[in-house]
Amino acid sequence: MTQAKSFLADDSHRQGESLRLLYTKSLNNLGMNIQLQGTYYLTQGFYTLSEASYKDMQGYNLEVPQNTMILEPEISNYHNLYYSKKQRVQANINQQIGTYGSLYLAGSWQTYWQTEDSEQFYQIGYNGNWNNLSYGVYWSFNQSTGQQKADKRFMFTVSFPLSTWLSSSNRVTDIGYSKNSAHAIYSITRDAKGKSTQLTGIHGTLLNDNNLSYNIQQATVFNKIKISLLEQKLLRLFHYA
């Protein structure tokens, strides 16, 4: 059980109590891991430290996307401190699929004391490997209070080691040196409005003992771009196209 006392942006004083329950289960014979977590707010007025640090009682946060070169901030993480949390349920399931990869499901559901509206988040993803290539396919659904429409996103990522292809016994302090690493990455994210963000980059280490690390990325944003036949099939699967 946790107790919290907070001063909010409107100079009001709140306090509340919460109780968290956690259940984990590993089914090794099936290659499955399950985690269930429930948080119950026994009284109104429980706010976390991050919530109490908001300068406004309600609104959106502006964030610059991490690991990209996009400087345009995105609107995210809507908050309304006039609503205090009532209960939150989270579930995570990870299923190993032989040597091919793993499939995971994640979801959360949150209710409030002052409204019947709820927040919902669901995500499904697959991470796989083929030879030295790693890839992932993800889809997410996020419905927050204050949002008229849910935020739906589809993402595809791929990464492969350049150092394997460039290795040479005559080169000892470059990306071809076996003790150094170099990976190329590519990802594309598309939302329900047709906005797509492509990210390409390379990262790794140089010099003896990997004393120098580097990470170079370039991001490009498109609106309602033309996409490949494979992407169209994947997007139709998740009701985008």
C-alpha atoms as a PDB file:
ATOM      1  CA  MET A   1       0.000   0.000   0.000  1.00  0.00           C
ATOM      2  CA  THR A   2       1.230   3.496  -0.875  1.00  0.00           C
ATOM      3  CA  GLN A   3       0.208   6.865   0.531  1.00  0.00           C
ATOM      4  CA  ALA A   4       0.751  10.121  -1.342  1.00  0.00           C
ATOM      5  CA  LYS A   5       0.350  13.801  -0.515  1.00  0.00           C
ATOM      6  CA  SER A   6       0.577  16.294  -3.365  1.00  0.00           C
ATOM      7  CA  PHE A   7       0.239  19.973  -4.230  1.00  0.00           C
ATOM      8  CA  LEU A   8      -1.213  20.434  -7.716  1.00  0.00           C
ATOM      9  CA  ALA A   9      -0.993  23.223 -10.280  1.00  0.00           C
ATOM     10  CA  ASP A  10      -4.111  24.954  -8.892  1.00  0.00           C
ATOM     11  CA  ASP A  11      -2.428  25.136  -5.447  1.00  0.00           C
ATOM     12  CA  SER A  12      -4.808  22.527  -4.044  1.00  0.00           C
ATOM     13  CA  HIS A  13      -3.643  19.884  -1.584  1.00  0.00           C
ATOM     14  CA  ARG A  14      -4.548  16.251  -2.296  1.00  0.00           C
ATOM     15  CA  GLN A  15      -3.822  12.976  -0.599  1.00  0.00           C
ATOM     16  CA  GLY A  16      -4.773   9.394  -1.283  1.00  0.00           C
ATOM     17  CA  GLU A  17      -3.887   5.732  -0.933  1.00  0.00           C
ATOM     18  CA  SER A  18      -3.272   3.003  -3.476  1.00  0.00           C
ATOM     19  CA  LEU A  19      -2.903  -0.761  -3.372  1.00  0.00           C
ATOM     20  CA  ARG A  20      -0.959  -2.680  -6.021  1.00  0.00           C
ATOM     21  CA  LEU A  21      -1.302  -6.385  -6.808  1.00  0.00           C
ATOM     22  CA  LEU A  22       1.173  -8.203  -9.067  1.00  0.00           C
ATOM     23  CA  TYR A  23       1.034 -11.694 -10.583  1.00  0.00           C
ATOM     24  CA  THR A  24       3.725 -13.251 -12.769  1.00  0.00           C
ATOM     25  CA  LYS A  25       3.874 -16.704 -14.294  1.00  0.00           C
ATOM     26  CA  SER A  26       6.476 -18.382 -16.486  1.00  0.00           C
ATOM     27  CA  LEU A  27       5.364 -21.392 -18.505  1.00  0.00           C
ATOM     28  CA  ASN A  28       8.779 -22.624 -19.553  1.00  0.00           C
ATOM     29  CA  ASN A  29       7.475 -25.667 -21.399  1.00  0.00           C
ATOM     30  CA  LEU A  30       5.391 -23.366 -23.608  1.00  0.00           C
ATOM     31  CA  GLY A  31       7.902 -20.523 -23.799  1.00  0.00           C
ATOM     32  CA  MET A  32       5.358 -18.090 -22.367  1.00  0.00           C
ATOM     33  CA  ASN A  33       5.634 -15.354 -19.743  1.00  0.00           C
ATOM     34  CA  ILE A  34       2.564 -13.695 -18.223  1.00  0.00           C
ATOM     35  CA  GLN A  35       2.417 -10.606 -16.035  1.00  0.00           C
ATOM     36  CA  LEU A  36      -0.764  -9.110 -14.590  1.00  0.00           C
ATOM     37  CA  GLN A  37      -0.826  -5.992 -12.455  1.00  0.00           C
ATOM     38  CA  GLY A  38      -3.704  -4.186 -10.817  1.00  0.00           C
ATOM     39  CA  THR A  39      -3.547  -0.870  -8.987  1.00  0.00           C
ATOM     40  CA  TYR A  40      -6.552   0.179  -6.927  1.00  0.00           C
ATOM     41  CA  TYR A  41      -6.827   3.727  -5.619  1.00  0.00           C
ATOM     42  CA  LEU A  42      -8.716   3.345  -2.361  1.00  0.00           C
ATOM     43  CA  THR A  43      -9.466   7.055  -2.002  1.00  0.00           C
ATOM     44  CA  GLN A  44      -9.704  10.006  -4.327  1.00  0.00           C
ATOM     45  CA  GLY A  45      -6.720  12.303  -4.496  1.00  0.00           C
ATOM     46  CA  PHE A  46      -3.815   9.950  -5.253  1.00  0.00           C
ATOM     47  CA  TYR A  47      -1.316  11.579  -7.639  1.00  0.00           C
ATOM     48  CA  THR A  48       2.171  10.470  -8.593  1.00  0.00           C
ATOM     49  CA  LEU A  49       5.230  12.714  -8.419  1.00  0.00           C
ATOM     50  CA  SER A  50       5.239  13.222 -12.198  1.00  0.00           C
ATOM     51  CA  GLU A  51       1.553  14.184 -12.185  1.00  0.00           C
ATOM     52  CA  ALA A  52       2.090  16.679  -9.379  1.00  0.00           C
ATOM     53  CA  SER A  53       4.891  18.312 -11.393  1.00  0.00           C
ATOM     54  CA  TYR A  54       2.552  19.412 -14.221  1.00  0.00           C
ATOM     55  CA  LYS A  55       2.291  23.198 -14.486  1.00  0.00           C
ATOM     56  CA  ASP A  56      -1.306  23.043 -15.755  1.00  0.00           C
ATOM     57  CA  MET A  57      -4.262  21.079 -14.436  1.00  0.00           C
ATOM     58  CA  GLN A  58      -5.061  19.744 -17.888  1.00  0.00           C
ATOM     59  CA  GLY A  59      -3.587  19.770 -21.369  1.00  0.00           C
ATOM     60  CA  TYR A  60      -1.157  18.057 -23.704  1.00  0.00           C
ATOM     61  CA  ASN A  61       2.587  17.743 -23.394  1.00  0.00           C
ATOM     62  CA  LEU A  62       4.858  18.739 -26.255  1.00  0.00           C
ATOM     63  CA  GLU A  63       7.690  16.300 -26.782  1.00  0.00           C
ATOM     64  CA  VAL A  64      10.543  16.138 -29.266  1.00  0.00           C
ATOM     65  CA  PRO A  65      10.711  12.502 -30.484  1.00  0.00           C
ATOM     66  CA  GLN A  66      13.717  10.668 -29.084  1.00  0.00           C
ATOM     67  CA  ASN A  67      16.393   9.084 -31.277  1.00  0.00           C
ATOM     68  CA  THR A  68      15.380  11.107 -34.325  1.00  0.00           C
ATOM     69  CA  MET A  69      16.492  14.327 -35.917  1.00  0.00           C
ATOM     70  CA  ILE A  70      12.944  15.699 -36.048  1.00  0.00           C
ATOM     71  CA  LEU A  71      12.854  18.989 -34.179  1.00  0.00           C
ATOM     72  CA  GLU A  72       9.101  19.492 -34.520  1.00  0.00           C
ATOM     73  CA  PRO A  73       7.455  18.614 -31.178  1.00  0.00           C
ATOM     74  CA  GLU A  74       4.600  16.141 -31.038  1.00  0.00           C
ATOM     75  CA  ILE A  75       1.464  16.424 -28.937  1.00  0.00           C
ATOM     76  CA  SER A  76       1.244  13.501 -26.547  1.00  0.00           C
ATOM     77  CA  ASN A  77       0.371  12.392 -23.033  1.00  0.00           C
ATOM     78  CA  TYR A  78      -2.857  14.262 -22.411  1.00  0.00           C
ATOM     79  CA  HIS A  79      -3.464  14.795 -18.711  1.00  0.00           C
ATOM     80  CA  ASN A  80      -6.419  16.044 -16.682  1.00  0.00           C
ATOM     81  CA  LEU A  81      -5.664  16.409 -12.989  1.00  0.00           C
ATOM     82  CA  TYR A  82      -9.289  17.226 -12.238  1.00  0.00           C
ATOM     83  CA  TYR A  83      -9.843  13.481 -12.656  1.00  0.00           C
ATOM     84  CA  SER A  84      -8.245  11.261 -10.027  1.00  0.00           C
ATOM     85  CA  LYS A  85      -7.504   7.646 -10.853  1.00  0.00           C
ATOM     86  CA  LYS A  86      -9.776   4.893  -9.564  1.00  0.00           C
ATOM     87  CA  GLN A  87      -8.213   1.688 -10.846  1.00  0.00           C
ATOM     88  CA  ARG A  88      -5.672   0.528 -13.413  1.00  0.00           C
ATOM     89  CA  VAL A  89      -5.214  -2.953 -14.852  1.00  0.00           C
ATOM     90  CA  GLN A  90      -2.201  -3.967 -16.951  1.00  0.00           C
ATOM     91  CA  ALA A  91      -1.410  -7.214 -18.752  1.00  0.00           C
ATOM     92  CA  ASN A  92       1.684  -8.381 -20.631  1.00  0.00           C
ATOM     93  CA  ILE A  93       2.060 -11.703 -22.416  1.00  0.00           C
ATOM     94  CA  ASN A  94       5.216 -12.811 -24.224  1.00  0.00           C
ATOM     95  CA  GLN A  95       5.278 -15.974 -26.327  1.00  0.00           C
ATOM     96  CA  GLN A  96       8.498 -17.405 -27.707  1.00  0.00           C
ATOM     97  CA  ILE A  97       8.019 -18.978 -31.142  1.00  0.00           C
ATOM     98  CA  GLY A  98      10.821 -21.493 -31.408  1.00  0.00           C
ATOM     99  CA  THR A  99      13.988 -19.994 -32.844  1.00  0.00           C
ATOM    100  CA  TYR A 100      12.072 -17.643 -35.124  1.00  0.00           C
ATOM    101  CA  GLY A 101      11.249 -14.875 -32.662  1.00  0.00           C
ATOM    102  CA  SER A 102       8.676 -13.833 -30.101  1.00  0.00           C
ATOM    103  CA  LEU A 103       5.142 -12.479 -30.078  1.00  0.00           C
ATOM    104  CA  TYR A 104       3.920 -10.166 -27.347  1.00  0.00           C
ATOM    105  CA  LEU A 105       0.640  -8.615 -26.269  1.00  0.00           C
ATOM    106  CA  ALA A 106       0.344  -5.659 -23.921  1.00  0.00           C
ATOM    107  CA  GLY A 107      -2.650  -3.743 -22.680  1.00  0.00           C
ATOM    108  CA  SER A 108      -3.872  -1.425 -19.963  1.00  0.00           C
ATOM    109  CA  TRP A 109      -7.217  -0.024 -18.821  1.00  0.00           C
ATOM    110  CA  GLN A 110      -7.702   2.857 -16.413  1.00  0.00           C
ATOM    111  CA  THR A 111     -10.801   4.411 -14.846  1.00  0.00           C
ATOM    112  CA  TYR A 112     -11.390   7.589 -12.852  1.00  0.00           C
ATOM    113  CA  TRP A 113     -13.523   8.644  -9.907  1.00  0.00           C
ATOM    114  CA  GLN A 114     -15.116  11.713 -11.496  1.00  0.00           C
ATOM    115  CA  THR A 115     -16.067  10.354 -14.936  1.00  0.00           C
ATOM    116  CA  GLU A 116     -17.205   7.210 -16.699  1.00  0.00           C
ATOM    117  CA  ASP A 117     -14.586   7.742 -19.409  1.00  0.00           C
ATOM    118  CA  SER A 118     -11.640   5.383 -19.379  1.00  0.00           C
ATOM    119  CA  GLU A 119      -8.197   5.196 -20.931  1.00  0.00           C
ATOM    120  CA  GLN A 120      -7.261   2.166 -22.993  1.00  0.00           C
ATOM    121  CA  PHE A 121      -3.964   1.074 -24.499  1.00  0.00           C
ATOM    122  CA  TYR A 122      -3.282  -2.083 -26.520  1.00  0.00           C
ATOM    123  CA  GLN A 123      -0.205  -3.189 -28.409  1.00  0.00           C
ATOM    124  CA  ILE A 124       0.704  -6.307 -30.336  1.00  0.00           C
ATOM    125  CA  GLY A 125       4.127  -6.963 -31.766  1.00  0.00           C
ATOM    126  CA  TYR A 126       6.414  -9.556 -33.256  1.00  0.00           C
ATOM    127  CA  ASN A 127      10.214  -9.587 -33.007  1.00  0.00           C
ATOM    128  CA  GLY A 128      12.107 -11.962 -35.246  1.00  0.00           C
ATOM    129  CA  ASN A 129      15.554 -12.916 -36.499  1.00  0.00           C
ATOM    130  CA  TRP A 130      16.706 -14.243 -39.835  1.00  0.00           C
ATOM    131  CA  ASN A 131      20.405 -15.000 -40.181  1.00  0.00           C
ATOM    132  CA  ASN A 132      21.994 -11.768 -38.907  1.00  0.00           C
ATOM    133  CA  LEU A 133      18.942  -9.640 -39.585  1.00  0.00           C
ATOM    134  CA  SER A 134      16.581  -8.540 -36.792  1.00  0.00           C
ATOM    135  CA  TYR A 135      13.130  -7.153 -37.495  1.00  0.00           C
ATOM    136  CA  GLY A 136       9.918  -6.204 -35.748  1.00  0.00           C
ATOM    137  CA  VAL A 137       6.309  -5.442 -36.616  1.00  0.00           C
ATOM    138  CA  TYR A 138       4.113  -3.549 -34.140  1.00  0.00           C
ATOM    139  CA  TRP A 139       0.602  -2.130 -33.929  1.00  0.00           C
ATOM    140  CA  SER A 140      -0.761   0.029 -31.111  1.00  0.00           C
ATOM    141  CA  PHE A 141      -4.098   1.539 -30.072  1.00  0.00           C
ATOM    142  CA  ASN A 142      -4.289   4.367 -27.543  1.00  0.00           C
ATOM    143  CA  GLN A 143      -7.533   6.000 -26.380  1.00  0.00           C
ATOM    144  CA  SER A 144      -7.174   8.737 -23.769  1.00  0.00           C
ATOM    145  CA  THR A 145      -9.672  10.951 -22.025  1.00  0.00           C
ATOM    146  CA  GLY A 146      -9.888  14.212 -23.931  1.00  0.00           C
ATOM    147  CA  GLN A 147      -9.200  12.534 -27.278  1.00  0.00           C
ATOM    148  CA  GLN A 148     -12.083  12.370 -29.737  1.00  0.00           C
ATOM    149  CA  LYS A 149     -10.392   9.639 -31.754  1.00  0.00           C
ATOM    150  CA  ALA A 150      -8.026   6.902 -30.744  1.00  0.00           C
ATOM    151  CA  ASP A 151      -4.385   7.078 -31.781  1.00  0.00           C
ATOM    152  CA  LYS A 152      -3.526   4.052 -33.924  1.00  0.00           C
ATOM    153  CA  ARG A 153       0.002   3.379 -35.127  1.00  0.00           C
ATOM    154  CA  PHE A 154       1.757   0.767 -37.225  1.00  0.00           C
ATOM    155  CA  MET A 155       5.533   0.336 -37.112  1.00  0.00           C
ATOM    156  CA  PHE A 156       8.081  -1.808 -38.924  1.00  0.00           C
ATOM    157  CA  THR A 157      11.774  -1.948 -37.982  1.00  0.00           C
ATOM    158  CA  VAL A 158      14.781  -3.816 -39.344  1.00  0.00           C
ATOM    159  CA  SER A 159      18.407  -3.922 -38.204  1.00  0.00           C
ATOM    160  CA  PHE A 160      21.441  -5.776 -39.517  1.00  0.00           C
ATOM    161  CA  PRO A 161      25.186  -5.777 -38.671  1.00  0.00           C
ATOM    162  CA  LEU A 162      27.483  -4.120 -41.184  1.00  0.00           C
ATOM    163  CA  SER A 163      30.550  -5.301 -39.300  1.00  0.00           C
ATOM    164  CA  THR A 164      29.887  -8.913 -40.367  1.00  0.00           C
ATOM    165  CA  TRP A 165      30.070  -7.951 -44.025  1.00  0.00           C
ATOM    166  CA  LEU A 166      33.022  -5.585 -43.617  1.00  0.00           C
ATOM    167  CA  SER A 167      35.213  -7.767 -41.404  1.00  0.00           C
ATOM    168  CA  SER A 168      38.812  -8.107 -42.540  1.00  0.00           C
ATOM    169  CA  SER A 169      41.886  -9.507 -40.834  1.00  0.00           C
ATOM    170  CA  ASN A 170      43.929  -6.544 -42.089  1.00  0.00           C
ATOM    171  CA  ARG A 171      41.798  -3.887 -40.417  1.00  0.00           C
ATOM    172  CA  VAL A 172      41.911  -3.571 -36.643  1.00  0.00           C
ATOM    173  CA  THR A 173      40.535  -0.135 -35.756  1.00  0.00           C
ATOM    174  CA  ASP A 174      37.519   0.305 -37.989  1.00  0.00           C
ATOM    175  CA  ILE A 175      33.976  -0.966 -38.306  1.00  0.00           C
ATOM    176  CA  GLY A 176      35.298  -4.126 -39.923  1.00  0.00           C
ATOM    177  CA  TYR A 177      37.299  -5.097 -36.858  1.00  0.00           C
ATOM    178  CA  SER A 178      35.647  -8.121 -35.245  1.00  0.00           C
ATOM    179  CA  LYS A 179      35.701  -6.548 -31.777  1.00  0.00           C
ATOM    180  CA  ASN A 180      33.966  -3.423 -33.056  1.00  0.00           C
ATOM    181  CA  SER A 181      30.332  -3.256 -34.107  1.00  0.00           C
ATOM    182  CA  ALA A 182      28.332  -1.452 -36.756  1.00  0.00           C
ATOM    183  CA  HIS A 183      24.584  -1.825 -37.283  1.00  0.00           C
ATOM    184  CA  ALA A 184      22.319  -0.277 -39.892  1.00  0.00           C
ATOM    185  CA  ILE A 185      18.710   0.419 -38.904  1.00  0.00           C
ATOM    186  CA  TYR A 186      15.536   1.349 -40.730  1.00  0.00           C
ATOM    187  CA  SER A 187      12.042   1.941 -39.385  1.00  0.00           C
ATOM    188  CA  ILE A 188       8.760   3.329 -40.620  1.00  0.00           C
ATOM    189  CA  THR A 189       5.863   4.453 -38.434  1.00  0.00           C
ATOM    190  CA  ARG A 190       2.430   5.338 -39.804  1.00  0.00           C
ATOM    191  CA  ASP A 191      -0.581   6.700 -37.945  1.00  0.00           C
ATOM    192  CA  ALA A 192      -4.276   6.618 -38.811  1.00  0.00           C
ATOM    193  CA  LYS A 193      -4.106  10.115 -40.347  1.00  0.00           C
ATOM    194  CA  GLY A 194      -1.666   8.974 -43.003  1.00  0.00           C
ATOM    195  CA  LYS A 195       1.418  10.594 -41.485  1.00  0.00           C
ATOM    196  CA  SER A 196       4.498   8.435 -41.914  1.00  0.00           C
ATOM    197  CA  THR A 197       7.929   8.810 -40.389  1.00  0.00           C
ATOM    198  CA  GLN A 198      10.918   6.967 -41.831  1.00  0.00           C
ATOM    199  CA  LEU A 199      14.129   6.634 -39.861  1.00  0.00           C
ATOM    200  CA  THR A 200      17.455   5.409 -41.234  1.00  0.00           C
ATOM    201  CA  GLY A 201      20.704   5.272 -39.359  1.00  0.00           C
ATOM    202  CA  ILE A 202      23.901   3.544 -38.375  1.00  0.00           C
ATOM    203  CA  HIS A 203      25.385   3.009 -34.924  1.00  0.00           C
ATOM    204  CA  GLY A 204      28.275   1.111 -33.449  1.00  0.00           C
ATOM    205  CA  THR A 205      31.748   1.328 -31.907  1.00  0.00           C
ATOM    206  CA  LEU A 206      35.280   2.083 -33.094  1.00  0.00           C
ATOM    207  CA  LEU A 207      38.888   1.819 -31.863  1.00  0.00           C
ATOM    208  CA  ASN A 208      40.390  -0.778 -29.556  1.00  0.00           C
ATOM    209  CA  ASP A 209      38.241  -1.808 -26.592  1.00  0.00           C
ATOM    210  CA  ASN A 210      35.281  -0.024 -28.252  1.00  0.00           C
ATOM    211  CA  ASN A 211      36.404   3.306 -26.802  1.00  0.00           C
ATOM    212  CA  LEU A 212      34.462   5.337 -29.367  1.00  0.00           C
ATOM    213  CA  SER A 213      30.736   4.941 -29.993  1.00  0.00           C
ATOM    214  CA  TYR A 214      28.678   6.669 -32.652  1.00  0.00           C
ATOM    215  CA  ASN A 215      25.037   6.987 -33.665  1.00  0.00           C
ATOM    216  CA  ILE A 216      23.999   8.731 -36.893  1.00  0.00           C
ATOM    217  CA  GLN A 217      20.308   8.984 -37.837  1.00  0.00           C
ATOM    218  CA  GLN A 218      18.134  10.764 -40.349  1.00  0.00           C
ATOM    219  CA  ALA A 219      14.348  11.024 -40.168  1.00  0.00           C
ATOM    220  CA  THR A 220      11.890  11.981 -42.904  1.00  0.00           C
ATOM    221  CA  VAL A 221       8.205  12.768 -42.423  1.00  0.00           C
ATOM    222  CA  PHE A 222       5.620  12.162 -45.141  1.00  0.00           C
ATOM    223  CA  ASN A 223       1.887  12.794 -45.258  1.00  0.00           C
ATOM    224  CA  LYS A 224      -0.244  10.281 -47.159  1.00  0.00           C
ATOM    225  CA  ILE A 225       2.756   8.889 -49.023  1.00  0.00           C
ATOM    226  CA  LYS A 226       2.635   6.194 -51.671  1.00  0.00           C
ATOM    227  CA  ILE A 227       3.576   2.903 -50.102  1.00  0.00           C
ATOM    228  CA  SER A 228       4.628  -0.481 -51.372  1.00  0.00           C
ATOM    229  CA  LEU A 229       2.274  -3.388 -51.986  1.00  0.00           C
ATOM    230  CA  LEU A 230       3.634  -5.212 -48.921  1.00  0.00           C
ATOM    231  CA  GLU A 231       3.050  -2.174 -46.716  1.00  0.00           C
ATOM    232  CA  GLN A 232      -0.471  -1.809 -48.128  1.00  0.00           C
ATOM    233  CA  LYS A 233      -1.291  -5.400 -47.171  1.00  0.00           C
ATOM    234  CA  LEU A 234       0.105  -4.922 -43.663  1.00  0.00           C
ATOM    235  CA  LEU A 235      -1.760  -1.650 -43.185  1.00  0.00           C
ATOM    236  CA  ARG A 236      -5.041  -3.137 -44.426  1.00  0.00           C
ATOM    237  CA  LEU A 237      -4.580  -5.920 -41.904  1.00  0.00           C
ATOM    238  CA  PHE A 238      -4.655  -3.303 -39.158  1.00  0.00           C
ATOM    239  CA  HIS A 239      -7.419  -1.193 -40.807  1.00  0.00           C
ATOM    240  CA  TYR A 240      -5.243   1.693 -41.967  1.00  0.00           C
ATOM    241  CA  ALA A 241      -5.527   1.614 -45.756  1.00  0.00           C
END
